[in-house]
Structures are given as structure tokens and as C-alpha cells.
Amino acid sequence: MEKPSEPQEPNARTPSQPPGGVRAQSPRALTRARRRQAVARFWRQYRTHRAGLVGLAVLAVIALLALTAPLLAGADSQSVTNAPGGPMEEPSGDFPLGTDQFGRSLLALMLWGTRVSLTVGLLAAFLSVAIGTLIGITAGHFKGWYATVIMRVTDWFLVMPTLVLAIALATVLSRSIWTTILAIGVTTWPTTARLVRAQTLSVESRPYIERSRALGGGHGHIMSRHVLPNVMPLVLAQTTLVISTAILTEATLAFLGLSDPTVVSWGGLLQDAREAGAVSSGNWWYLAPPGLAIAVVALAFTLCGRTIESVLNPKLGVSR
């Protein structure tokens, strides 16, 4: 006679059920959770730095002004033939920042110039950091003759004045925004390449890289799955610092008349003020706004970059 089966306890687990009755998460879900925790931890540490918060707030306001420029300034505010005021008018209620040599509102031109200056600075910085990261990782990974040749080329770019190379490229190529982006991006990458190569050498000396090679990991797998995630914090901090340099370089090229003359940028406004004789005639309102805007944006990106460096590398000891 068979024994009746004993009832299972309410809390009894089946062999396939994990402890606690909680369903096991997939590796992708665990990766996303770790990334969310890392981002939250980064923000908690970032917001303890007052300078970084000030820089971030300034950049948020400037980005908002750039996005809403068509609504705030109007599409016809750049027109020379339909200028609403007289040439070189002082700041007033109708024109808070005065007018330029054609009678256009400088406030409206400043808003439109924000879009161009930020776009050129961001894209040029991303191009520069992308080139520097690629060269730095490959030079640190492959070593040998390849690293020797590529780092000698990097040293040549380092000793050459960046502005001179950018001026040469902007002079040879056609004058456009893309030429300015290209000229800045291909001349400002050596510093990033040096930093990334040093970090790559440090990462590849760790034991798990040897284990990855022993398990059959190829060059692409090691560089993309192990080296790149470890150098990304350095790349992120370097990007914010390169953006300020790119904006200053763009303003310099525009001031020298080497950018696209059909678009309005902060550097282009300084060039127009110089051509109109604003310096000799004492028209300070034509010179001060674009110059201050360039300085404020460069300072804001620098503050954010230093704060990111401090959060990612507390040994730097950057003040809060």
C-alpha cells in the first residue's frame, strides 16, 4: 500500500527556484542596474562641488538660450537690409546691448551666435577626443613599432602650435563651419592621445587582461570590452576641457576672418567690431558682450571638467 504524499510546506522551494523566491536577473539587467548605481553615485559626489554646480547651471542656461534663439530673436534678426535700428546705437530699452554697424540688435546676434559657437565647440571637441582615444588605445595595446611611429607623430603635433596648424587648414580649405570643426579637431587631439595611452598601459598590466588573452580574447575584444570602459572616465573629463579650448579656437579663427562669413558667431562679432572701428571709436557695447560670453562659457566648461576629474580621481584634491 502506497504512503500518501506529504503536503509541501508553504515556503518550500522547487529546485529551480532561487533562494528567497526572487527571480534571477539576466546579465544585461544586472549591468544596467550597476550602471544606474554608478551614475547615481557619480551625481551624489558631483553635487558636493559648488564650482561644478555653478558651471553646470551656466551651461544649462546657455544651452537653453541657444535652443530657443529662433523664438527669442526671430529668423529675420540677422538680415542686413531689414535692420530695425541705426548703426552703432548705444544700449537702450529697444536694444539692450546696442546695435552693430548695420543697425541689427546685438542681443539677437548674440543669441544666434550661441548656437554656432556651441555647435562648433562641441563637434570639434568630440572629433578631437575620438581621434585621441583611438590613437591612444591602439598605441598602448599594440606597442612595438606601431606605437613608436604613432607616438612620434603625436609628439610632432604636440610641439607644433595648434593655432598655426588650424589657421593653415582653415586657409587651404573652403571657409565653412565644417572646415572650422575639422581644423580644430585634427589639431587638438595629441594631449588626449598621450593621456589615454598612459591609462591603457596601466589597464593592460592588470591580471584580468592576461586571463582574457588566455581564454582566447582577441585584440578587438580586449580593447573594446576591457580597455575602453576603463579609460572612458578619463575621456569624459578630457572632453569637457577640450570643449572650452575648441570654443576659444573657433572664436580666434572667426576673429581672424577664417570662418564662414555667412554665419553669426561670437568670434565673428568680434571680427565685425574690429572692422567697424569699435575699438578706436570707444563703442564698448560692440566688443564686451561676445568677449564676455566666450570667457563665461570657457570658464563654465573648465569648472565642470575639473569637477569631473575630482569625482573620478579623488587623489587630485580639487577644492569644492
Protein backbone atom coordinates (compact mmCIF):
# COMPACT_ATOMS: atom_id res chain seq x y z
CA MET A 1 0.00 0.00 0.00
CA GLU A 2 1.47 3.35 -1.07
CA LYS A 3 2.01 6.04 1.53
CA PRO A 4 0.11 9.25 0.94
CA SER A 5 2.34 12.07 -0.29
CA GLU A 6 3.17 14.57 2.37
CA PRO A 7 1.96 18.12 1.66
CA GLN A 8 4.71 20.59 0.87
CA GLU A 9 5.35 23.44 3.23
CA PRO A 10 4.14 26.85 2.07
CA ASN A 11 7.70 28.21 1.96
CA ALA A 12 9.16 25.15 0.29
CA ARG A 13 11.16 25.93 -2.86
CA THR A 14 11.34 23.97 -6.03
CA PRO A 15 14.86 23.01 -7.16
CA SER A 16 14.76 25.60 -9.96
CA GLN A 17 13.60 28.46 -7.76
CA PRO A 18 16.38 30.68 -6.31
CA PRO A 19 16.60 31.39 -2.57
CA GLY A 20 14.07 33.89 -1.27
CA GLY A 21 11.66 33.29 -4.13
CA VAL A 22 13.25 36.09 -6.18
CA ARG A 23 13.67 35.52 -9.89
CA ALA A 24 17.31 35.65 -11.01
CA GLN A 25 18.13 38.72 -13.11
CA SER A 26 19.71 38.44 -16.51
CA PRO A 27 23.28 39.65 -17.04
CA ARG A 28 22.02 42.66 -19.03
CA ALA A 29 19.66 43.65 -16.24
CA LEU A 30 22.50 43.40 -13.72
CA THR A 31 24.72 45.52 -15.98
CA ARG A 32 22.03 48.19 -16.33
CA ALA A 33 21.48 48.20 -12.57
CA ARG A 34 25.20 48.63 -11.92
CA ARG A 35 25.35 51.49 -14.42
CA ARG A 36 22.40 53.23 -12.78
CA GLN A 37 24.06 52.88 -9.41
CA ALA A 38 27.33 54.25 -10.81
CA VAL A 39 25.56 57.26 -12.33
CA ALA A 40 23.69 57.93 -9.09
CA ARG A 41 26.91 57.66 -7.09
CA PHE A 42 28.68 60.00 -9.53
CA TRP A 43 25.91 62.61 -9.24
CA ARG A 44 25.93 62.43 -5.42
CA GLN A 45 29.64 63.19 -5.42
CA TYR A 46 29.40 65.80 -8.20
CA ARG A 47 26.78 67.91 -6.47
CA THR A 48 29.01 68.32 -3.41
CA HIS A 49 31.27 70.59 -5.51
CA ARG A 50 29.88 74.11 -5.65
CA ALA A 51 32.09 75.16 -8.55
CA GLY A 52 30.90 72.25 -10.67
CA LEU A 53 27.24 73.05 -9.94
CA VAL A 54 27.77 76.70 -10.90
CA GLY A 55 29.43 75.68 -14.17
CA LEU A 56 26.65 73.18 -14.92
CA ALA A 57 23.94 75.77 -14.22
CA VAL A 58 25.62 78.33 -16.50
CA LEU A 59 25.90 75.77 -19.31
CA ALA A 60 22.25 74.76 -18.88
CA VAL A 61 21.12 78.40 -19.22
CA ILE A 62 23.32 78.98 -22.28
CA ALA A 63 22.12 75.77 -23.92
CA LEU A 64 18.51 76.79 -23.30
CA LEU A 65 19.16 80.20 -24.90
CA ALA A 66 20.76 78.51 -27.89
CA LEU A 67 17.82 76.16 -28.40
CA THR A 68 15.23 78.95 -28.11
CA ALA A 69 17.13 81.51 -30.22
CA PRO A 70 14.66 81.31 -33.16
CA LEU A 71 11.79 82.08 -30.77
CA LEU A 72 13.56 84.80 -28.79
CA ALA A 73 15.38 86.60 -31.61
CA GLY A 74 13.38 85.81 -34.72
CA ALA A 75 14.58 84.47 -38.04
CA ASP A 76 14.95 87.92 -39.64
CA SER A 77 17.16 89.41 -36.91
CA GLN A 78 20.30 88.60 -38.93
CA SER A 79 19.12 90.46 -42.01
CA VAL A 80 21.24 93.45 -43.01
CA THR A 81 18.63 95.04 -45.28
CA ASN A 82 15.82 94.91 -42.69
CA ALA A 83 17.80 96.10 -39.68
CA PRO A 84 15.45 97.63 -37.07
CA GLY A 85 17.84 100.27 -35.72
CA GLY A 86 20.53 102.69 -36.71
CA PRO A 87 24.24 101.88 -36.99
CA MET A 88 26.21 101.64 -33.75
CA GLU A 89 23.42 102.72 -31.39
CA GLU A 90 24.17 102.64 -27.67
CA PRO A 91 22.30 100.22 -25.35
CA SER A 92 18.72 101.34 -24.76
CA GLY A 93 15.29 99.98 -23.96
CA ASP A 94 14.73 98.86 -27.54
CA PHE A 95 18.23 97.43 -27.92
CA PRO A 96 19.58 96.25 -24.52
CA LEU A 97 23.05 95.57 -25.96
CA GLY A 98 23.01 98.24 -28.65
CA THR A 99 23.28 97.70 -32.41
CA ASP A 100 26.05 96.74 -34.80
CA GLN A 101 27.36 98.64 -37.81
CA PHE A 102 24.29 97.66 -39.85
CA GLY A 103 21.71 98.52 -37.18
CA ARG A 104 20.99 94.94 -36.11
CA SER A 105 20.28 94.16 -32.46
CA LEU A 106 23.41 92.80 -30.80
CA LEU A 107 21.29 90.86 -28.30
CA ALA A 108 19.63 88.94 -31.14
CA LEU A 109 23.00 88.35 -32.82
CA MET A 110 24.43 87.08 -29.53
CA LEU A 111 21.61 84.55 -29.24
CA TRP A 112 22.20 83.28 -32.77
CA GLY A 113 25.95 83.24 -32.19
CA THR A 114 25.42 80.98 -29.17
CA ARG A 115 24.13 78.22 -31.44
CA VAL A 116 27.09 78.39 -33.83
CA SER A 117 29.81 78.71 -31.17
CA LEU A 118 28.46 75.84 -29.07
CA THR A 119 27.89 73.61 -32.11
CA VAL A 120 31.40 74.16 -33.44
CA GLY A 121 32.96 73.74 -29.99
CA LEU A 122 31.09 70.52 -29.18
CA LEU A 123 31.60 68.82 -32.54
CA ALA A 124 35.25 69.83 -32.77
CA ALA A 125 35.87 68.57 -29.23
CA PHE A 126 34.18 65.23 -29.94
CA LEU A 127 36.23 64.81 -33.12
CA SER A 128 39.43 65.65 -31.26
CA VAL A 129 38.68 63.29 -28.36
CA ALA A 130 37.62 60.48 -30.73
CA ILE A 131 40.90 60.71 -32.66
CA GLY A 132 42.96 60.93 -29.47
CA THR A 133 41.14 57.99 -27.85
CA LEU A 134 41.57 55.75 -30.90
CA ILE A 135 45.27 56.54 -31.24
CA GLY A 136 45.92 56.29 -27.50
CA ILE A 137 44.23 52.90 -27.08
CA THR A 138 45.83 51.33 -30.14
CA ALA A 139 49.29 52.71 -29.29
CA GLY A 140 49.04 51.38 -25.74
CA HIS A 141 47.71 47.99 -26.81
CA PHE A 142 49.87 47.02 -29.77
CA LYS A 143 53.16 48.59 -28.63
CA GLY A 144 56.22 47.76 -30.79
CA TRP A 145 56.98 49.64 -33.99
CA TYR A 146 53.39 50.82 -34.39
CA ALA A 147 53.41 52.59 -31.02
CA THR A 148 56.82 54.09 -31.75
CA VAL A 149 55.74 55.56 -35.09
CA ILE A 150 52.35 56.80 -33.94
CA MET A 151 53.72 58.43 -30.79
CA ARG A 152 56.44 60.22 -32.76
CA VAL A 153 53.69 61.66 -34.95
CA THR A 154 51.85 62.66 -31.78
CA ASP A 155 54.98 64.36 -30.45
CA TRP A 156 55.28 66.31 -33.71
CA PHE A 157 51.72 67.60 -33.33
CA LEU A 158 52.43 68.47 -29.69
CA VAL A 159 55.43 70.68 -30.45
CA MET A 160 53.68 72.43 -33.35
CA PRO A 161 51.47 75.38 -32.34
CA THR A 162 47.86 74.22 -32.54
CA LEU A 163 46.57 77.59 -33.67
CA VAL A 164 49.10 77.78 -36.51
CA LEU A 165 48.05 74.35 -37.81
CA ALA A 166 44.36 75.28 -37.53
CA ILE A 167 44.96 78.53 -39.41
CA ALA A 168 46.83 76.64 -42.14
CA LEU A 169 43.97 74.15 -42.60
CA ALA A 170 41.30 76.85 -42.50
CA THR A 171 43.24 78.83 -45.12
CA VAL A 172 43.70 75.91 -47.53
CA LEU A 173 40.15 74.54 -47.29
CA SER A 174 36.92 76.35 -48.13
CA ARG A 175 35.51 78.60 -45.43
CA SER A 176 32.62 76.85 -43.71
CA ILE A 177 31.57 75.61 -40.29
CA TRP A 178 32.68 72.08 -41.16
CA THR A 179 36.12 73.33 -42.16
CA THR A 180 36.45 75.05 -38.78
CA ILE A 181 35.36 71.87 -36.98
CA LEU A 182 37.83 69.79 -38.97
CA ALA A 183 40.68 72.26 -38.45
CA ILE A 184 40.18 72.28 -34.68
CA GLY A 185 39.52 68.54 -34.34
CA VAL A 186 42.58 67.30 -36.23
CA THR A 187 44.98 69.64 -34.43
CA THR A 188 43.96 69.29 -30.75
CA TRP A 189 43.99 65.50 -30.25
CA PRO A 190 47.63 64.83 -29.16
CA THR A 191 47.08 65.62 -25.46
CA THR A 192 44.14 63.22 -25.29
CA ALA A 193 46.17 60.54 -27.08
CA ARG A 194 49.00 60.84 -24.56
CA LEU A 195 46.66 60.59 -21.57
CA VAL A 196 44.68 57.67 -22.98
CA ARG A 197 47.83 55.74 -23.91
CA ALA A 198 49.18 56.06 -20.37
CA GLN A 199 45.87 54.83 -18.94
CA THR A 200 45.78 51.98 -21.46
CA LEU A 201 49.22 50.78 -20.41
CA SER A 202 48.07 50.82 -16.79
CA VAL A 203 44.90 48.84 -17.58
CA GLU A 204 46.67 46.23 -19.69
CA SER A 205 49.10 45.44 -16.87
CA ARG A 206 46.26 44.08 -14.72
CA PRO A 207 45.78 40.32 -14.27
CA TYR A 208 42.32 40.06 -15.82
CA ILE A 209 43.74 41.18 -19.17
CA GLU A 210 46.09 38.18 -19.12
CA ARG A 211 43.17 35.91 -18.25
CA SER A 212 41.19 37.33 -21.16
CA ARG A 213 44.07 36.61 -23.54
CA ALA A 214 44.43 33.08 -22.13
CA LEU A 215 40.72 32.44 -22.74
CA GLY A 216 41.09 33.43 -26.40
CA GLY A 217 40.15 37.10 -26.30
CA GLY A 218 41.35 38.93 -29.44
CA HIS A 219 42.68 42.43 -29.82
CA GLY A 220 39.28 43.90 -30.61
CA HIS A 221 37.64 42.17 -27.65
CA ILE A 222 40.28 43.37 -25.19
CA MET A 223 40.30 46.96 -26.44
CA SER A 224 36.50 47.32 -26.65
CA ARG A 225 35.39 45.25 -23.63
CA HIS A 226 38.19 45.86 -21.13
CA VAL A 227 40.35 48.86 -22.06
CA LEU A 228 37.73 51.29 -23.40
CA PRO A 229 35.34 51.10 -20.38
CA ASN A 230 38.27 51.77 -18.04
CA VAL A 231 39.54 54.81 -19.97
CA MET A 232 36.08 56.33 -20.54
CA PRO A 233 36.07 58.32 -17.25
CA LEU A 234 39.33 59.96 -18.32
CA VAL A 235 37.93 60.58 -21.80
CA LEU A 236 34.79 62.18 -20.34
CA ALA A 237 36.79 64.57 -18.18
CA GLN A 238 39.11 65.40 -21.08
CA THR A 239 36.14 66.11 -23.35
CA THR A 240 34.79 68.88 -21.13
CA LEU A 241 38.22 70.51 -21.04
CA VAL A 242 38.72 70.25 -24.80
CA ILE A 243 35.33 71.88 -25.47
CA SER A 244 36.46 75.13 -23.87
CA THR A 245 39.67 75.06 -25.93
CA ALA A 246 37.67 74.39 -29.10
CA ILE A 247 35.33 77.34 -28.44
CA LEU A 248 38.29 79.66 -27.88
CA THR A 249 39.99 78.40 -31.06
CA GLU A 250 36.79 78.87 -33.06
CA ALA A 251 36.49 82.42 -31.78
CA THR A 252 40.10 83.08 -32.74
CA LEU A 253 39.64 81.73 -36.27
CA ALA A 254 36.47 83.76 -36.69
CA PHE A 255 38.22 86.88 -35.37
CA LEU A 256 40.95 86.35 -37.95
CA GLY A 257 38.35 86.08 -40.70
CA LEU A 258 38.98 82.38 -41.39
CA SER A 259 35.49 81.05 -40.59
CA ASP A 260 32.28 81.08 -42.58
CA PRO A 261 31.36 84.76 -43.10
CA THR A 262 27.69 83.90 -43.72
CA VAL A 263 27.01 82.68 -40.16
CA VAL A 264 26.97 84.66 -36.93
CA SER A 265 29.26 83.53 -34.10
CA TRP A 266 30.80 85.23 -31.10
CA GLY A 267 34.20 85.37 -32.73
CA GLY A 268 32.61 86.70 -35.91
CA LEU A 269 31.00 89.53 -33.91
CA LEU A 270 34.42 90.49 -32.57
CA GLN A 271 35.75 90.50 -36.13
CA ASP A 272 32.87 92.74 -37.25
CA ALA A 273 33.52 95.09 -34.34
CA ARG A 274 37.18 95.37 -35.28
CA GLU A 275 36.35 96.09 -38.91
CA ALA A 276 33.78 98.71 -37.86
CA GLY A 277 36.38 100.53 -35.75
CA ALA A 278 34.64 99.88 -32.43
CA VAL A 279 37.97 99.86 -30.59
CA SER A 280 39.12 103.30 -31.78
CA SER A 281 35.65 104.88 -31.53
CA GLY A 282 35.01 103.60 -27.99
CA ASN A 283 31.90 101.54 -28.81
CA TRP A 284 32.42 99.15 -25.91
CA TRP A 285 28.97 97.54 -26.27
CA TYR A 286 30.06 96.05 -29.58
CA LEU A 287 33.10 94.34 -28.06
CA ALA A 288 32.17 93.45 -24.48
CA PRO A 289 29.18 91.04 -24.92
CA PRO A 290 30.79 88.49 -27.28
CA GLY A 291 34.09 88.62 -25.40
CA LEU A 292 32.39 88.06 -22.04
CA ALA A 293 30.24 85.26 -23.48
CA ILE A 294 33.31 83.41 -24.75
CA ALA A 295 35.05 83.79 -21.39
CA VAL A 296 31.99 82.67 -19.38
CA VAL A 297 31.36 79.54 -21.49
CA ALA A 298 35.03 78.55 -21.44
CA LEU A 299 35.14 79.03 -17.66
CA ALA A 300 31.93 77.00 -17.17
CA PHE A 301 33.27 74.05 -19.16
CA THR A 302 36.56 74.25 -17.27
CA LEU A 303 34.76 74.18 -13.91
CA CYS A 304 32.72 71.15 -14.99
CA GLY A 305 35.82 69.39 -16.28
CA ARG A 306 37.80 69.95 -13.09
CA THR A 307 34.88 68.73 -11.00
CA ILE A 308 34.52 65.57 -13.09
CA GLU A 309 38.26 64.93 -12.69
CA SER A 310 37.94 65.38 -8.94
CA VAL A 311 35.00 62.97 -8.71
CA LEU A 312 36.62 60.30 -10.88
CA ASN A 313 40.04 60.74 -9.28
CA PRO A 314 39.73 61.98 -5.67
CA LYS A 315 43.54 61.99 -5.32
CA LEU A 316 43.64 65.24 -7.31
CA GLY A 317 42.25 67.08 -4.31
CA VAL A 318 40.32 69.71 -6.29
CA SER A 319 38.66 72.16 -3.93
CA ARG A 320 34.88 72.21 -3.62
